[in-house]
PDB file of N, CA and C in Angstrom:
ATOM      1  N   MET A   1      72.815  99.043 135.042  1.00  0.00           N
ATOM      2  CA  MET A   1      72.731 100.429 134.724  1.00  0.00           C
ATOM      3  C   MET A   1      74.008 101.233 134.954  1.00  0.00           C
ATOM      4  N   LYS A   2      74.233 102.055 134.063  1.00  0.00           N
ATOM      5  CA  LYS A   2      75.410 102.920 134.158  1.00  0.00           C
ATOM      6  C   LYS A   2      75.038 104.211 134.768  1.00  0.00           C
ATOM      7  N   LYS A   3      75.885 104.669 135.634  1.00  0.00           N
ATOM      8  CA  LYS A   3      75.610 106.009 136.281  1.00  0.00           C
ATOM      9  C   LYS A   3      76.263 107.081 135.364  1.00  0.00           C
ATOM     10  N   LYS A   4      75.460 108.127 135.320  1.00  0.00           N
ATOM     11  CA  LYS A   4      76.004 109.294 134.457  1.00  0.00           C
ATOM     12  C   LYS A   4      77.124 110.030 135.219  1.00  0.00           C
ATOM     13  N   GLN A   5      78.112 110.322 134.486  1.00  0.00           N
ATOM     14  CA  GLN A   5      79.248 111.108 135.168  1.00  0.00           C
ATOM     15  C   GLN A   5      78.932 112.508 135.056  1.00  0.00           C
ATOM     16  N   ALA A   6      79.288 113.279 136.143  1.00  0.00           N
ATOM     17  CA  ALA A   6      78.999 114.631 136.100  1.00  0.00           C
ATOM     18  C   ALA A   6      80.162 115.287 135.239  1.00  0.00           C
ATOM     19  N   LYS A   7      79.719 116.315 134.485  1.00  0.00           N
ATOM     20  CA  LYS A   7      80.751 116.914 133.675  1.00  0.00           C
ATOM     21  C   LYS A   7      81.597 117.867 134.542  1.00  0.00           C
ATOM     22  N   GLN A   8      82.913 117.559 134.499  1.00  0.00           N
ATOM     23  CA  GLN A   8      83.838 118.199 135.397  1.00  0.00           C
ATOM     24  C   GLN A   8      84.565 119.314 134.527  1.00  0.00           C
ATOM     25  N   GLY A   9      84.348 120.531 134.943  1.00  0.00           N
ATOM     26  CA  GLY A   9      84.980 121.703 134.296  1.00  0.00           C
ATOM     27  C   GLY A   9      86.236 122.002 135.160  1.00  0.00           C
ATOM     28  N   LYS A  10      86.611 123.193 134.902  1.00  0.00           N
ATOM     29  CA  LYS A  10      87.870 123.722 135.749  1.00  0.00           C
ATOM     30  C   LYS A  10      87.391 123.859 137.104  1.00  0.00           C
ATOM     31  N   GLN A  11      88.260 123.268 138.010  1.00  0.00           N
ATOM     32  CA  GLN A  11      87.997 123.383 139.416  1.00  0.00           C
ATOM     33  C   GLN A  11      88.787 124.634 139.910  1.00  0.00           C
ATOM     34  N   ARG A  12      88.128 125.551 140.537  1.00  0.00           N
ATOM     35  CA  ARG A  12      88.709 126.706 141.061  1.00  0.00           C
ATOM     36  C   ARG A  12      89.333 126.526 142.364  1.00  0.00           C
ATOM     37  N   LYS A  13      90.541 126.967 142.587  1.00  0.00           N
ATOM     38  CA  LYS A  13      91.213 126.851 143.872  1.00  0.00           C
ATOM     39  C   LYS A  13      90.670 127.773 144.849  1.00  0.00           C
ATOM     40  N   LYS A  14      90.360 127.363 146.016  1.00  0.00           N
ATOM     41  CA  LYS A  14      89.842 128.235 147.077  1.00  0.00           C
ATOM     42  C   LYS A  14      90.877 129.173 147.505  1.00  0.00           C
ATOM     43  N   SER A  15      90.638 130.502 147.464  1.00  0.00           N
ATOM     44  CA  SER A  15      91.552 131.493 147.798  1.00  0.00           C
ATOM     45  C   SER A  15      91.799 131.524 149.353  1.00  0.00           C
ATOM     46  N   GLY A  16      92.969 131.819 149.791  1.00  0.00           N
ATOM     47  CA  GLY A  16      93.319 131.964 151.212  1.00  0.00           C
ATOM     48  C   GLY A  16      93.100 133.375 151.714  1.00  0.00           C
ATOM     49  N   PHE A  17      92.250 134.130 151.049  1.00  0.00           N
ATOM     50  CA  PHE A  17      92.105 135.578 151.477  1.00  0.00           C
ATOM     51  C   PHE A  17      91.374 135.707 152.814  1.00  0.00           C
ATOM     52  N   SER A  18      90.510 134.728 153.145  1.00  0.00           N
ATOM     53  CA  SER A  18      89.777 134.882 154.398  1.00  0.00           C
ATOM     54  C   SER A  18      90.603 134.378 155.569  1.00  0.00           C
ATOM     55  N   LYS A  19      91.731 133.800 155.352  1.00  0.00           N
ATOM     56  CA  LYS A  19      92.531 133.157 156.483  1.00  0.00           C
ATOM     57  C   LYS A  19      93.273 134.213 157.190  1.00  0.00           C
ATOM     58  N   ASP A  20      93.713 135.317 156.627  1.00  0.00           N
ATOM     59  CA  ASP A  20      94.649 136.292 157.195  1.00  0.00           C
ATOM     60  C   ASP A  20      93.862 137.121 158.204  1.00  0.00           C
ATOM     61  N   LYS A  21      94.081 136.968 159.583  1.00  0.00           N
ATOM     62  CA  LYS A  21      93.452 137.709 160.533  1.00  0.00           C
ATOM     63  C   LYS A  21      93.938 139.147 160.605  1.00  0.00           C
ATOM     64  N   ARG A  22      95.003 139.462 160.066  1.00  0.00           N
ATOM     65  CA  ARG A  22      95.558 140.763 160.053  1.00  0.00           C
ATOM     66  C   ARG A  22      94.883 141.817 159.153  1.00  0.00           C
ATOM     67  N   ARG A  23      94.231 141.162 158.162  1.00  0.00           N
ATOM     68  CA  ARG A  23      93.666 142.047 157.114  1.00  0.00           C
ATOM     69  C   ARG A  23      92.404 142.785 157.608  1.00  0.00           C
ATOM     70  N   LYS A  24      92.464 144.116 157.389  1.00  0.00           N
ATOM     71  CA  LYS A  24      91.331 144.882 157.773  1.00  0.00           C
ATOM     72  C   LYS A  24      90.152 144.889 156.751  1.00  0.00           C
ATOM     73  N   HIS A  25      90.517 144.852 155.549  1.00  0.00           N
ATOM     74  CA  HIS A  25      89.512 144.848 154.402  1.00  0.00           C
ATOM     75  C   HIS A  25      90.030 144.101 153.188  1.00  0.00           C
ATOM     76  N   HIS A  26      89.105 143.731 152.319  1.00  0.00           N
ATOM     77  CA  HIS A  26      89.490 143.085 151.062  1.00  0.00           C
ATOM     78  C   HIS A  26      89.387 143.946 149.901  1.00  0.00           C
ATOM     79  N   HIS A  27      89.968 143.662 148.762  1.00  0.00           N
ATOM     80  CA  HIS A  27      89.936 144.415 147.623  1.00  0.00           C
ATOM     81  C   HIS A  27      89.285 143.619 146.498  1.00  0.00           C
ATOM     82  N   TRP A  28      88.351 144.327 145.786  1.00  0.00           N
ATOM     83  CA  TRP A  28      87.470 143.708 144.796  1.00  0.00           C
ATOM     84  C   TRP A  28      87.768 144.490 143.483  1.00  0.00           C
ATOM     85  N   LEU A  29      88.179 143.749 142.436  1.00  0.00           N
ATOM     86  CA  LEU A  29      88.402 144.368 141.120  1.00  0.00           C
ATOM     87  C   LEU A  29      87.254 144.138 140.165  1.00  0.00           C
ATOM     88  N   VAL A  30      86.685 145.288 139.671  1.00  0.00           N
ATOM     89  CA  VAL A  30      85.606 145.238 138.694  1.00  0.00           C
ATOM     90  C   VAL A  30      86.220 145.334 137.374  1.00  0.00           C
ATOM     91  N   SER A  31      86.192 144.458 136.474  1.00  0.00           N
ATOM     92  CA  SER A  31      86.641 144.581 135.177  1.00  0.00           C
ATOM     93  C   SER A  31      85.500 144.611 134.207  1.00  0.00           C
ATOM     94  N   VAL A  32      85.576 145.701 133.422  1.00  0.00           N
ATOM     95  CA  VAL A  32      84.491 146.065 132.417  1.00  0.00           C
ATOM     96  C   VAL A  32      84.993 145.857 130.970  1.00  0.00           C
ATOM     97  N   PHE A  33      84.331 145.009 130.247  1.00  0.00           N
ATOM     98  CA  PHE A  33      84.703 144.780 128.820  1.00  0.00           C
ATOM     99  C   PHE A  33      83.736 145.398 127.909  1.00  0.00           C
ATOM    100  N   TYR A  34      84.242 146.251 127.027  1.00  0.00           N
ATOM    101  CA  TYR A  34      83.376 146.969 126.071  1.00  0.00           C
ATOM    102  C   TYR A  34      83.284 146.279 124.835  1.00  0.00           C
ATOM    103  N   ALA A  35      82.287 146.532 123.937  1.00  0.00           N
ATOM    104  CA  ALA A  35      82.059 145.938 122.681  1.00  0.00           C
ATOM    105  C   ALA A  35      83.122 146.202 121.656  1.00  0.00           C
ATOM    106  N   ASP A  36      83.799 147.360 121.890  1.00  0.00           N
ATOM    107  CA  ASP A  36      84.885 147.734 120.848  1.00  0.00           C
ATOM    108  C   ASP A  36      86.275 147.145 121.258  1.00  0.00           C
ATOM    109  N   GLY A  37      86.317 146.326 122.374  1.00  0.00           N
ATOM    110  CA  GLY A  37      87.461 145.681 122.768  1.00  0.00           C
ATOM    111  C   GLY A  37      88.248 146.408 123.889  1.00  0.00           C
ATOM    112  N   GLU A  38      87.804 147.454 124.213  1.00  0.00           N
ATOM    113  CA  GLU A  38      88.497 148.191 125.341  1.00  0.00           C
ATOM    114  C   GLU A  38      88.215 147.562 126.629  1.00  0.00           C
ATOM    115  N   LYS A  39      89.073 147.666 127.636  1.00  0.00           N
ATOM    116  CA  LYS A  39      88.886 147.130 128.896  1.00  0.00           C
ATOM    117  C   LYS A  39      89.156 148.197 130.012  1.00  0.00           C
ATOM    118  N   PHE A  40      88.444 148.084 131.139  1.00  0.00           N
ATOM    119  CA  PHE A  40      88.521 149.019 132.181  1.00  0.00           C
ATOM    120  C   PHE A  40      88.403 148.325 133.493  1.00  0.00           C
ATOM    121  N   GLY A  41      89.244 148.691 134.440  1.00  0.00           N
ATOM    122  CA  GLY A  41      89.193 148.091 135.807  1.00  0.00           C
ATOM    123  C   GLY A  41      89.145 149.089 136.815  1.00  0.00           C
ATOM    124  N   ARG A  42      88.401 148.844 137.954  1.00  0.00           N
ATOM    125  CA  ARG A  42      88.452 149.678 139.065  1.00  0.00           C
ATOM    126  C   ARG A  42      88.411 148.794 140.356  1.00  0.00           C
ATOM    127  N   VAL A  43      89.141 149.214 141.401  1.00  0.00           N
ATOM    128  CA  VAL A  43      89.352 148.359 142.600  1.00  0.00           C
ATOM    129  C   VAL A  43      88.456 149.146 143.670  1.00  0.00           C
ATOM    130  N   TYR A  44      87.710 148.315 144.365  1.00  0.00           N
ATOM    131  CA  TYR A  44      86.950 148.700 145.515  1.00  0.00           C
ATOM    132  C   TYR A  44      87.317 147.954 146.770  1.00  0.00           C
ATOM    133  N   THR A  45      87.074 148.558 147.925  1.00  0.00           N
ATOM    134  CA  THR A  45      87.345 147.866 149.183  1.00  0.00           C
ATOM    135  C   THR A  45      85.971 147.386 149.844  1.00  0.00           C
ATOM    136  N   ASP A  46      84.898 147.900 149.180  1.00  0.00           N
ATOM    137  CA  ASP A  46      83.547 147.514 149.617  1.00  0.00           C
ATOM    138  C   ASP A  46      82.948 146.682 148.560  1.00  0.00           C
ATOM    139  N   LYS A  47      82.555 145.422 148.917  1.00  0.00           N
ATOM    140  CA  LYS A  47      81.947 144.553 147.902  1.00  0.00           C
ATOM    141  C   LYS A  47      80.628 145.042 147.436  1.00  0.00           C
ATOM    142  N   GLY A  48      79.878 145.645 148.298  1.00  0.00           N
ATOM    143  CA  GLY A  48      78.546 146.233 147.881  1.00  0.00           C
ATOM    144  C   GLY A  48      78.730 147.276 146.866  1.00  0.00           C
ATOM    145  N   LYS A  49      79.680 148.138 146.872  1.00  0.00           N
ATOM    146  CA  LYS A  49      79.971 149.183 146.014  1.00  0.00           C
ATOM    147  C   LYS A  49      80.428 148.543 144.623  1.00  0.00           C
ATOM    148  N   ALA A  50      81.244 147.568 144.720  1.00  0.00           N
ATOM    149  CA  ALA A  50      81.647 146.837 143.555  1.00  0.00           C
ATOM    150  C   ALA A  50      80.476 146.211 142.826  1.00  0.00           C
ATOM    151  N   ASP A  51      79.641 145.636 143.480  1.00  0.00           N
ATOM    152  CA  ASP A  51      78.419 145.043 142.924  1.00  0.00           C
ATOM    153  C   ASP A  51      77.541 145.983 142.180  1.00  0.00           C
ATOM    154  N   ARG A  52      77.326 147.164 142.945  1.00  0.00           N
ATOM    155  CA  ARG A  52      76.502 148.236 142.324  1.00  0.00           C
ATOM    156  C   ARG A  52      77.173 148.787 141.109  1.00  0.00           C
ATOM    157  N   PHE A  53      78.440 148.955 141.115  1.00  0.00           N
ATOM    158  CA  PHE A  53      79.163 149.573 139.971  1.00  0.00           C
ATOM    159  C   PHE A  53      79.076 148.544 138.838  1.00  0.00           C
ATOM    160  N   ALA A  54      79.251 147.218 139.056  1.00  0.00           N
ATOM    161  CA  ALA A  54      79.210 146.249 137.897  1.00  0.00           C
ATOM    162  C   ALA A  54      77.811 146.155 137.348  1.00  0.00           C
ATOM    163  N   GLU A  55      76.748 146.260 138.236  1.00  0.00           N
ATOM    164  CA  GLU A  55      75.429 146.221 137.703  1.00  0.00           C
ATOM    165  C   GLU A  55      75.094 147.428 136.910  1.00  0.00           C
ATOM    166  N   ARG A  56      75.502 148.642 137.371  1.00  0.00           N
ATOM    167  CA  ARG A  56      75.310 149.872 136.619  1.00  0.00           C
ATOM    168  C   ARG A  56      75.916 149.790 135.252  1.00  0.00           C
ATOM    169  N   GLN A  57      77.130 149.254 135.206  1.00  0.00           N
ATOM    170  CA  GLN A  57      77.893 149.176 133.914  1.00  0.00           C
ATOM    171  C   GLN A  57      77.235 148.149 133.005  1.00  0.00           C
ATOM    172  N   ARG A  58      76.709 147.083 133.501  1.00  0.00           N
ATOM    173  CA  ARG A  58      76.048 146.073 132.596  1.00  0.00           C
ATOM    174  C   ARG A  58      74.790 146.595 131.941  1.00  0.00           C
ATOM    175  N   LYS A  59      74.234 147.635 132.452  1.00  0.00           N
ATOM    176  CA  LYS A  59      72.968 148.174 131.877  1.00  0.00           C
ATOM    177  C   LYS A  59      73.327 148.927 130.617  1.00  0.00           C
ATOM    178  N   SER A  60      74.625 149.406 130.464  1.00  0.00           N
ATOM    179  CA  SER A  60      74.961 150.162 129.297  1.00  0.00           C
ATOM    180  C   SER A  60      74.989 149.272 128.007  1.00  0.00           C
ATOM    181  N   PRO A  61      74.469 149.790 126.981  1.00  0.00           N
ATOM    182  CA  PRO A  61      74.588 149.058 125.650  1.00  0.00           C
ATOM    183  C   PRO A  61      75.875 148.773 125.108  1.00  0.00           C
ATOM    184  N   VAL A  62      76.933 149.589 125.500  1.00  0.00           N
ATOM    185  CA  VAL A  62      78.211 149.339 124.905  1.00  0.00           C
ATOM    186  C   VAL A  62      79.065 148.406 125.726  1.00  0.00           C
ATOM    187  N   VAL A  63      78.614 147.975 126.847  1.00  0.00           N
ATOM    188  CA  VAL A  63      79.261 147.013 127.728  1.00  0.00           C
ATOM    189  C   VAL A  63      78.976 145.560 127.372  1.00  0.00           C
ATOM    190  N   LYS A  64      80.039 144.811 127.112  1.00  0.00           N
ATOM    191  CA  LYS A  64      79.848 143.351 126.770  1.00  0.00           C
ATOM    192  C   LYS A  64      79.745 142.558 128.025  1.00  0.00           C
ATOM    193  N   SER A  65      80.544 142.786 129.006  1.00  0.00           N
ATOM    194  CA  SER A  65      80.457 142.088 130.260  1.00  0.00           C
ATOM    195  C   SER A  65      81.162 142.886 131.361  1.00  0.00           C
ATOM    196  N   ALA A  66      80.875 142.578 132.627  1.00  0.00           N
ATOM    197  CA  ALA A  66      81.468 143.190 133.747  1.00  0.00           C
ATOM    198  C   ALA A  66      81.584 142.066 134.803  1.00  0.00           C
ATOM    199  N   ARG A  67      82.866 141.917 135.294  1.00  0.00           N
ATOM    200  CA  ARG A  67      83.187 140.822 136.321  1.00  0.00           C
ATOM    201  C   ARG A  67      83.630 141.411 137.544  1.00  0.00           C
ATOM    202  N   ILE A  68      83.419 140.667 138.697  1.00  0.00           N
ATOM    203  CA  ILE A  68      84.025 141.095 139.967  1.00  0.00           C
ATOM    204  C   ILE A  68      84.894 139.985 140.460  1.00  0.00           C
ATOM    205  N   THR A  69      86.066 140.271 140.773  1.00  0.00           N
ATOM    206  CA  THR A  69      87.099 139.205 141.339  1.00  0.00           C
ATOM    207  C   THR A  69      87.648 139.914 142.585  1.00  0.00           C
ATOM    208  N   GLN A  70      87.973 138.893 143.584  1.00  0.00           N
ATOM    209  CA  GLN A  70      88.655 139.428 144.703  1.00  0.00           C
ATOM    210  C   GLN A  70      90.133 139.375 144.492  1.00  0.00           C
ATOM    211  N   VAL A  71      90.814 140.404 144.691  1.00  0.00           N
ATOM    212  CA  VAL A  71      92.236 140.386 144.499  1.00  0.00           C
ATOM    213  C   VAL A  71      93.064 140.399 145.766  1.00  0.00           C
ATOM    214  N   SER A  72      92.603 140.702 146.858  1.00  0.00           N
ATOM    215  CA  SER A  72      93.343 140.520 148.112  1.00  0.00           C
ATOM    216  C   SER A  72      92.395 140.661 149.272  1.00  0.00           C
TER     217      SER A  72
END
């Protein structure tokens, strides 16, 4: 019997953002992509606020997608 190989996509590199003990807060970038091709980005220091903003934007009919990425 042959074993099925797991499909391997892109492997994300683990960020070293949590290693720096001097850092007081992290920065979260919310990228919003609109149906007409426009892009908008906003940076938050609170992950909860970034999550709420992204969810609120996703509810809009003109928003194609909203992403949250840690930038520092």
